[in-house]
Amino acid sequence: MKVFSGARILTAAAEDFEVGTLIVEDGKIKSVSAAEGDRDALPYSGKVITPGLFDAHCHIGIYEEGIRDEGDDVNEMTDPVTPDVRAIDGIYHEDPAFAESYEGGLTTFCVAPGSGNVVGGQVCLIKNRRDLPDKMLYKEYVGMKVAFGENPKRVYGNQKKKPMTRMGIAALLRETLTKAENYRNKQDKEKNLGMEALVKVLEGKVPLKAHAHRADDILTALRIAREFGVRITIEHCTEGDRILDALKEAGVPCIIGPSLSTRSKYELRYRNYSTAKVLSDAGILTAIMTDHPVIPAKELRVCAIAAIREGLDPKEALKMITINPAKIFGVDQEIGSLEPGKSADFVVWSGDPFDARTYVEELYVDGVLVYKN
């Protein structure tokens, strides 16, 4: 049993503690409560403890830093429809970004294939356990990556093959989902791994994870999800604040970012730092991403700080990088907040986590100390 007493504890749940005690046992949180005794005499006095940070959309390990083709496993751009490929099979645990992300308080990552294909492949969740690389996989399949807009157009338009247009992207996705419906309904069939993965989308077990920046692409994604009765999340959602009513009506989660990047393409012309606040104020379940390596995963909290500067409440900002991603992926009963029974994934900060001067002192994953400054 490990006891962390005297810190300010921000739980990302119902109650925070100005002076609290966190007790961990067998890799789980045993209790979180107000601390007893002289605050200054407690070992974690002056520190702040939060849940481990959760990057809701990135390519860490599958798009390695510092090398080119050798470490680029993010897009299987040999066909615009590749539902059979799995992000977990491309992740290299020795990517230096994992070690660096300890310094940013990251304990969980959603790793997705890239957006070069209309159907990019299977998204996974991993934990930041470089000490046990075979144990990094947390959830093997939590969504099917699909992409709208410029990226598939550019990749396949250059090859003079479908899809060259937004019409072609939508048509290919509809065609693929229709094939999956036919496959599901067929009694005597040869097993097809890509179709098996798409059937899970049709059955509501996992959502489509839709790369969409522009408002028209978001609306197309929502339209197709309605047509096939499937779950969907909007990834990037750069122009989500311009179609707020449609997002509210659809009731879909949105993962915002990478807002700290430049306007590197036309789809980003309305990029701003206030989208997270606007969506949150509208009651939309919202998370913040880095899209690593576009923004280093280590800087996830800096992305949240940028949103706070635009008026986002710090408590909501913390939720967007902890419990909200957990809710989006359906793992909020296991991780994402400091509550009894959940995995002991947490950060000990030197001070307020949203103060740029603050640094990580200790990082725990499943109750194991994985980093100490």
Protein backbone atom coordinates (compact mmCIF):
# COMPACT_ATOMS: atom_id res chain seq x y z
CA MET A 1 0.00 0.00 0.00
CA LYS A 2 1.24 3.50 -0.88
CA VAL A 3 -0.01 6.70 0.73
CA PHE A 4 0.24 10.15 -0.88
CA SER A 5 -0.81 12.73 1.69
CA GLY A 6 -0.79 16.52 1.80
CA ALA A 7 -1.23 17.38 -1.89
CA ARG A 8 -4.03 19.28 -3.50
CA ILE A 9 -5.93 16.51 -5.32
CA LEU A 10 -7.85 17.33 -8.49
CA THR A 11 -9.87 14.18 -9.12
CA ALA A 12 -11.63 15.06 -12.40
CA ALA A 13 -14.67 13.65 -10.60
CA ALA A 14 -17.27 15.07 -8.24
CA GLU A 15 -15.04 16.31 -5.41
CA ASP A 16 -11.56 17.83 -5.24
CA PHE A 17 -9.48 18.11 -2.07
CA GLU A 18 -7.42 21.17 -1.19
CA VAL A 19 -5.41 18.99 1.19
CA GLY A 20 -5.97 15.34 0.41
CA THR A 21 -4.75 11.79 0.80
CA LEU A 22 -4.61 9.28 -2.03
CA ILE A 23 -4.13 5.62 -1.10
CA VAL A 24 -3.06 3.06 -3.70
CA GLU A 25 -3.09 -0.71 -3.30
CA ASP A 26 -2.47 -3.50 -5.83
CA GLY A 27 -2.38 -1.05 -8.73
CA LYS A 28 -5.78 0.42 -7.89
CA ILE A 29 -6.97 3.51 -6.08
CA LYS A 30 -8.15 2.40 -2.66
CA SER A 31 -9.39 5.77 -1.42
CA VAL A 32 -9.29 9.53 -1.94
CA SER A 33 -10.13 11.72 1.01
CA ALA A 34 -9.30 14.87 2.96
CA ALA A 35 -5.94 14.67 4.69
CA GLU A 36 -5.60 14.72 8.46
CA GLY A 37 -2.85 16.39 10.46
CA ASP A 38 -0.56 19.38 10.00
CA ARG A 39 -0.50 20.17 6.29
CA ASP A 40 3.11 21.35 6.31
CA ALA A 41 4.24 18.10 7.92
CA LEU A 42 2.67 15.91 5.24
CA PRO A 43 5.07 14.52 2.61
CA TYR A 44 3.24 15.82 -0.47
CA SER A 45 2.48 19.27 0.90
CA GLY A 46 2.58 21.90 -1.86
CA LYS A 47 2.19 19.33 -4.64
CA VAL A 48 -0.82 18.74 -6.91
CA ILE A 49 -2.05 15.28 -7.89
CA THR A 50 -4.24 14.72 -10.95
CA PRO A 51 -5.27 11.71 -13.01
CA GLY A 52 -2.75 10.72 -15.66
CA LEU A 53 -3.26 12.64 -18.87
CA PHE A 54 -4.99 10.91 -21.80
CA ASP A 55 -4.18 11.94 -25.38
CA ALA A 56 -7.41 11.20 -27.22
CA HIS A 57 -5.92 11.10 -30.74
CA CYS A 58 -2.29 10.67 -31.73
CA HIS A 59 0.15 8.60 -33.76
CA ILE A 60 2.84 8.04 -31.14
CA GLY A 61 4.96 4.96 -31.82
CA ILE A 62 3.38 4.40 -35.23
CA TYR A 63 4.86 7.60 -36.69
CA GLU A 64 8.22 7.69 -34.95
CA GLU A 65 10.21 10.82 -34.28
CA GLY A 66 13.56 11.57 -35.79
CA ILE A 67 13.47 9.14 -38.72
CA ARG A 68 11.65 9.08 -42.03
CA ASP A 69 10.46 6.03 -43.95
CA GLU A 70 11.86 3.55 -41.42
CA GLY A 71 9.55 4.82 -38.70
CA ASP A 72 6.55 5.83 -40.80
CA ASP A 73 3.94 3.11 -40.33
CA VAL A 74 0.94 5.38 -40.02
CA ASN A 75 -0.75 5.02 -43.46
CA GLU A 76 -1.18 1.84 -45.53
CA MET A 77 -1.73 3.88 -48.69
CA THR A 78 -1.89 0.96 -51.12
CA ASP A 79 -5.68 0.99 -51.14
CA PRO A 80 -8.17 3.65 -50.01
CA VAL A 81 -10.05 1.06 -47.90
CA THR A 82 -7.96 -0.87 -45.35
CA PRO A 83 -10.19 -1.84 -42.41
CA ASP A 84 -8.05 -4.92 -41.69
CA VAL A 85 -4.92 -3.03 -40.60
CA ARG A 86 -4.44 -2.40 -36.88
CA ALA A 87 -2.56 0.48 -35.29
CA ILE A 88 -1.18 -1.79 -32.58
CA ASP A 89 0.80 -3.74 -35.17
CA GLY A 90 2.74 -0.61 -36.16
CA ILE A 91 3.65 0.76 -32.72
CA TYR A 92 7.32 0.73 -31.72
CA HIS A 93 7.73 1.01 -27.95
CA GLU A 94 11.25 2.46 -28.31
CA ASP A 95 9.94 5.61 -29.99
CA PRO A 96 11.69 8.31 -27.89
CA ALA A 97 8.39 10.20 -27.69
CA PHE A 98 7.16 7.72 -25.08
CA ALA A 99 9.98 8.54 -22.65
CA GLU A 100 9.59 12.26 -23.32
CA SER A 101 5.85 12.09 -22.72
CA TYR A 102 6.51 10.99 -19.14
CA GLU A 103 7.62 14.57 -18.57
CA GLY A 104 4.19 15.73 -19.74
CA GLY A 105 2.22 13.46 -17.41
CA LEU A 106 0.87 11.17 -20.15
CA THR A 107 -0.38 7.76 -19.02
CA THR A 108 -2.77 6.77 -21.85
CA PHE A 109 -2.82 7.26 -25.61
CA CYS A 110 -5.36 6.63 -28.34
CA VAL A 111 -3.20 5.60 -31.30
CA ALA A 112 -4.86 5.77 -34.71
CA PRO A 113 -3.83 5.04 -38.28
CA GLY A 114 -3.40 8.17 -40.38
CA SER A 115 -5.89 9.94 -42.62
CA GLY A 116 -4.49 9.05 -46.04
CA ASN A 117 -7.21 6.45 -46.65
CA VAL A 118 -10.99 6.73 -46.60
CA VAL A 119 -11.01 3.74 -44.23
CA GLY A 120 -7.67 3.75 -42.45
CA GLY A 121 -7.89 0.89 -39.99
CA GLN A 122 -8.36 -0.05 -36.37
CA VAL A 123 -7.67 2.36 -33.51
CA CYS A 124 -6.25 1.16 -30.17
CA LEU A 125 -5.56 2.41 -26.64
CA ILE A 126 -2.18 1.93 -25.01
CA LYS A 127 -0.73 2.74 -21.61
CA ASN A 128 2.62 4.41 -21.11
CA ARG A 129 4.43 1.32 -19.76
CA ARG A 130 7.79 1.23 -21.53
CA ASP A 131 9.04 -0.89 -18.62
CA LEU A 132 6.70 -3.65 -19.83
CA PRO A 133 6.33 -3.15 -23.61
CA ASP A 134 4.29 -6.34 -24.02
CA LYS A 135 1.80 -4.89 -21.52
CA MET A 136 1.40 -1.49 -23.20
CA LEU A 137 -1.71 -2.57 -25.11
CA TYR A 138 -4.77 -1.54 -23.12
CA LYS A 139 -7.65 -1.93 -25.59
CA GLU A 140 -6.95 -3.51 -28.97
CA TYR A 141 -9.84 -2.09 -30.99
CA VAL A 142 -11.80 0.98 -29.91
CA GLY A 143 -12.76 2.51 -33.25
CA MET A 144 -12.44 2.42 -37.03
CA LYS A 145 -10.53 5.34 -38.51
CA VAL A 146 -12.19 7.01 -41.48
CA ALA A 147 -11.15 10.24 -43.18
CA PHE A 148 -12.90 13.01 -45.07
CA GLY A 149 -11.56 15.99 -46.98
CA GLU A 150 -8.18 16.90 -48.35
CA ASN A 151 -5.97 14.01 -47.27
CA PRO A 152 -7.62 11.09 -49.15
CA LYS A 153 -8.27 13.43 -52.09
CA ARG A 154 -4.59 14.31 -52.31
CA VAL A 155 -3.28 10.75 -51.95
CA TYR A 156 -5.55 9.10 -54.51
CA GLY A 157 -6.14 12.12 -56.72
CA ASN A 158 -2.41 12.14 -57.44
CA GLN A 159 -2.79 8.53 -58.57
CA LYS A 160 -5.79 9.45 -60.77
CA LYS A 161 -7.99 6.96 -58.96
CA LYS A 162 -11.04 7.11 -56.73
CA PRO A 163 -11.45 9.09 -54.55
CA MET A 164 -10.42 12.31 -56.27
CA THR A 165 -13.31 14.30 -54.76
CA ARG A 166 -15.33 14.63 -51.59
CA MET A 167 -18.14 12.89 -53.50
CA GLY A 168 -15.82 9.95 -54.10
CA ILE A 169 -14.82 9.74 -50.44
CA ALA A 170 -18.44 9.60 -49.28
CA ALA A 171 -19.35 7.09 -52.00
CA LEU A 172 -16.47 4.79 -51.07
CA LEU A 173 -17.38 4.85 -47.39
CA ARG A 174 -21.03 4.09 -48.15
CA GLU A 175 -19.98 1.29 -50.51
CA THR A 176 -17.70 -0.18 -47.84
CA LEU A 177 -20.34 -0.08 -45.11
CA THR A 178 -22.85 -1.65 -47.51
CA LYS A 179 -20.41 -4.47 -48.24
CA ALA A 180 -20.05 -4.97 -44.49
CA GLU A 181 -23.83 -5.17 -44.12
CA ASN A 182 -23.98 -7.79 -46.88
CA TYR A 183 -21.13 -9.71 -45.27
CA ARG A 184 -22.86 -9.66 -41.89
CA ASN A 185 -26.11 -10.96 -43.40
CA LYS A 186 -24.49 -13.71 -45.44
CA GLN A 187 -24.85 -17.14 -43.86
CA ASP A 188 -22.09 -19.05 -45.63
CA LYS A 189 -19.00 -16.87 -45.93
CA GLU A 190 -15.25 -17.06 -45.97
CA LYS A 191 -13.89 -15.10 -43.02
CA ASN A 192 -12.66 -11.62 -43.96
CA LEU A 193 -10.79 -9.75 -41.21
CA GLY A 194 -11.57 -6.30 -42.57
CA MET A 195 -15.28 -7.07 -42.83
CA GLU A 196 -15.28 -8.61 -39.35
CA ALA A 197 -13.91 -5.34 -37.98
CA LEU A 198 -16.54 -3.30 -39.85
CA VAL A 199 -19.34 -5.54 -38.59
CA LYS A 200 -18.40 -4.43 -35.08
CA VAL A 201 -19.03 -0.86 -36.25
CA LEU A 202 -22.44 -1.82 -37.64
CA GLU A 203 -23.31 -3.59 -34.41
CA GLY A 204 -22.46 -0.51 -32.34
CA LYS A 205 -19.55 -2.13 -30.53
CA VAL A 206 -17.07 0.49 -31.75
CA PRO A 207 -17.56 3.86 -33.47
CA LEU A 208 -16.27 5.35 -36.66
CA LYS A 209 -13.46 7.76 -35.77
CA ALA A 210 -13.97 10.42 -38.44
CA HIS A 211 -11.10 12.72 -39.42
CA ALA A 212 -12.99 15.88 -40.44
CA HIS A 213 -11.86 19.51 -40.22
CA ARG A 214 -14.27 21.43 -42.45
CA ALA A 215 -17.92 21.97 -41.58
CA ASP A 216 -19.13 20.28 -44.78
CA ASP A 217 -16.99 17.22 -44.09
CA ILE A 218 -18.33 17.00 -40.54
CA LEU A 219 -21.90 17.19 -41.86
CA THR A 220 -21.17 14.44 -44.40
CA ALA A 221 -19.73 12.24 -41.65
CA LEU A 222 -22.83 12.77 -39.51
CA ARG A 223 -25.10 12.07 -42.49
CA ILE A 224 -23.44 8.75 -43.27
CA ALA A 225 -23.49 7.72 -39.61
CA ARG A 226 -27.24 8.37 -39.52
CA GLU A 227 -27.82 6.46 -42.76
CA PHE A 228 -26.16 3.32 -41.38
CA GLY A 229 -27.20 3.79 -37.76
CA VAL A 230 -23.62 3.67 -36.46
CA ARG A 231 -21.80 5.50 -33.71
CA ILE A 232 -19.29 8.17 -34.65
CA THR A 233 -16.85 10.62 -33.09
CA ILE A 234 -15.56 13.71 -34.87
CA GLU A 235 -11.78 13.96 -34.80
CA HIS A 236 -10.16 17.42 -35.20
CA CYS A 237 -13.54 19.20 -35.59
CA THR A 238 -11.79 22.44 -36.55
CA GLU A 239 -14.99 24.09 -37.80
CA GLY A 240 -17.28 22.44 -35.26
CA ASP A 241 -18.12 25.79 -33.72
CA ARG A 242 -19.61 26.86 -37.07
CA ILE A 243 -22.19 24.03 -37.08
CA LEU A 244 -22.87 23.81 -33.37
CA ASP A 245 -26.59 23.04 -33.70
CA ALA A 246 -25.90 20.04 -35.95
CA LEU A 247 -23.36 18.62 -33.51
CA LYS A 248 -25.71 19.14 -30.56
CA GLU A 249 -28.56 17.46 -32.41
CA ALA A 250 -26.37 14.50 -33.34
CA GLY A 251 -25.10 14.17 -29.77
CA VAL A 252 -21.66 13.00 -30.90
CA PRO A 253 -18.39 13.39 -28.97
CA CYS A 254 -15.75 15.66 -30.48
CA ILE A 255 -11.97 15.52 -30.13
CA ILE A 256 -10.42 18.94 -30.80
CA GLY A 257 -7.01 19.77 -32.23
CA PRO A 258 -4.20 20.05 -32.96
CA SER A 259 -4.91 23.74 -32.35
CA LEU A 260 -1.28 24.67 -31.67
CA SER A 261 -0.29 23.83 -35.23
CA THR A 262 -0.02 26.30 -38.08
CA ARG A 263 -2.66 26.73 -40.77
CA SER A 264 -0.78 24.32 -42.99
CA LYS A 265 -3.72 23.68 -45.33
CA TYR A 266 -6.97 25.30 -46.38
CA GLU A 267 -9.05 23.12 -44.06
CA LEU A 268 -7.40 24.86 -41.09
CA ARG A 269 -8.18 28.44 -42.07
CA TYR A 270 -10.65 28.82 -39.15
CA ARG A 271 -8.40 27.09 -36.61
CA ASN A 272 -8.64 28.78 -33.22
CA TYR A 273 -8.19 28.08 -29.52
CA SER A 274 -11.78 28.71 -28.43
CA THR A 275 -13.47 25.74 -30.15
CA ALA A 276 -13.10 23.51 -27.08
CA LYS A 277 -14.89 26.06 -24.88
CA VAL A 278 -17.66 26.68 -27.40
CA LEU A 279 -18.40 22.96 -27.74
CA SER A 280 -18.15 22.33 -24.00
CA ASP A 281 -20.49 25.24 -23.21
CA ALA A 282 -22.99 23.66 -25.63
CA GLY A 283 -22.96 20.43 -23.61
CA ILE A 284 -20.98 18.41 -26.17
CA LEU A 285 -18.63 15.79 -24.74
CA THR A 286 -15.25 17.21 -25.78
CA ALA A 287 -11.64 16.10 -25.51
CA ILE A 288 -8.36 17.70 -26.60
CA MET A 289 -5.72 15.94 -28.71
CA THR A 290 -2.14 16.57 -29.81
CA ASP A 291 -2.24 14.53 -33.05
CA HIS A 292 1.38 13.65 -32.19
CA PRO A 293 3.80 14.14 -33.87
CA VAL A 294 2.03 17.25 -35.22
CA ILE A 295 2.30 18.52 -31.64
CA PRO A 296 4.52 16.52 -29.27
CA ALA A 297 2.37 14.42 -26.95
CA LYS A 298 4.36 15.84 -24.06
CA GLU A 299 2.63 19.19 -24.67
CA LEU A 300 -0.96 18.00 -24.22
CA ARG A 301 -1.41 20.21 -21.16
CA VAL A 302 -0.08 23.19 -23.17
CA CYS A 303 -2.94 22.59 -25.62
CA ALA A 304 -5.31 22.75 -22.65
CA ILE A 305 -3.63 25.93 -21.37
CA ALA A 306 -4.26 27.58 -24.76
CA ALA A 307 -7.97 26.77 -24.40
CA ILE A 308 -8.01 28.09 -20.82
CA ARG A 309 -6.56 31.37 -22.09
CA GLU A 310 -9.63 31.63 -24.35
CA GLY A 311 -12.00 31.23 -21.40
CA LEU A 312 -12.28 27.46 -20.85
CA ASP A 313 -12.72 26.68 -17.16
CA PRO A 314 -9.59 24.90 -15.81
CA LYS A 315 -11.71 22.14 -14.29
CA GLU A 316 -13.25 21.47 -17.70
CA ALA A 317 -9.82 21.64 -19.31
CA LEU A 318 -8.55 18.92 -16.96
CA LYS A 319 -11.55 16.77 -17.81
CA MET A 320 -10.84 17.16 -21.53
CA ILE A 321 -7.45 15.49 -21.08
CA THR A 322 -8.48 12.89 -18.49
CA ILE A 323 -12.04 11.69 -17.86
CA ASN A 324 -13.65 12.96 -21.08
CA PRO A 325 -11.45 10.83 -23.36
CA ALA A 326 -12.14 7.89 -21.04
CA LYS A 327 -15.88 8.48 -21.46
CA ILE A 328 -15.56 8.78 -25.23
CA PHE A 329 -13.81 5.40 -25.38
CA GLY A 330 -16.08 3.75 -22.83
CA VAL A 331 -13.33 3.11 -20.27
CA ASP A 332 -14.37 5.70 -17.68
CA GLN A 333 -15.18 2.98 -15.15
CA GLU A 334 -11.51 1.97 -15.26
CA ILE A 335 -9.42 5.11 -15.81
CA GLY A 336 -9.66 8.87 -16.26
CA SER A 337 -10.35 10.09 -12.72
CA LEU A 338 -9.13 9.54 -9.18
CA GLU A 339 -11.85 7.38 -7.67
CA PRO A 340 -11.79 4.16 -5.63
CA GLY A 341 -11.49 1.02 -7.73
CA LYS A 342 -9.96 2.69 -10.77
CA SER A 343 -6.46 2.09 -12.06
CA ALA A 344 -3.84 4.10 -10.19
CA ASP A 345 -2.77 6.21 -13.17
CA PHE A 346 -1.82 9.62 -11.78
CA VAL A 347 0.64 12.50 -11.82
CA VAL A 348 2.36 14.31 -8.97
CA TRP A 349 2.95 17.88 -10.16
CA SER A 350 5.24 20.47 -8.59
CA GLY A 351 2.32 22.93 -8.60
CA ASP A 352 -0.73 23.95 -10.61
CA PRO A 353 -0.65 21.74 -13.73
CA PHE A 354 -1.84 24.65 -15.86
CA ASP A 355 1.00 26.92 -14.79
CA ALA A 356 3.72 26.79 -17.44
CA ARG A 357 6.39 26.68 -14.71
CA THR A 358 5.02 23.45 -13.27
CA TYR A 359 6.73 20.14 -14.00
CA VAL A 360 6.03 16.47 -13.37
CA GLU A 361 7.70 15.15 -10.22
CA GLU A 362 6.34 11.58 -10.31
CA LEU A 363 4.24 9.59 -12.75
CA TYR A 364 2.42 6.36 -11.92
CA VAL A 365 0.77 3.87 -14.27
CA ASP A 366 -1.21 1.01 -12.72
CA GLY A 367 0.29 2.04 -9.38
CA VAL A 368 3.86 1.62 -10.67
CA LEU A 369 6.29 4.54 -10.57
CA VAL A 370 7.38 4.90 -14.20
CA TYR A 371 9.01 8.33 -13.97
CA LYS A 372 10.60 10.42 -11.22
CA ASN A 373 12.12 13.83 -11.88
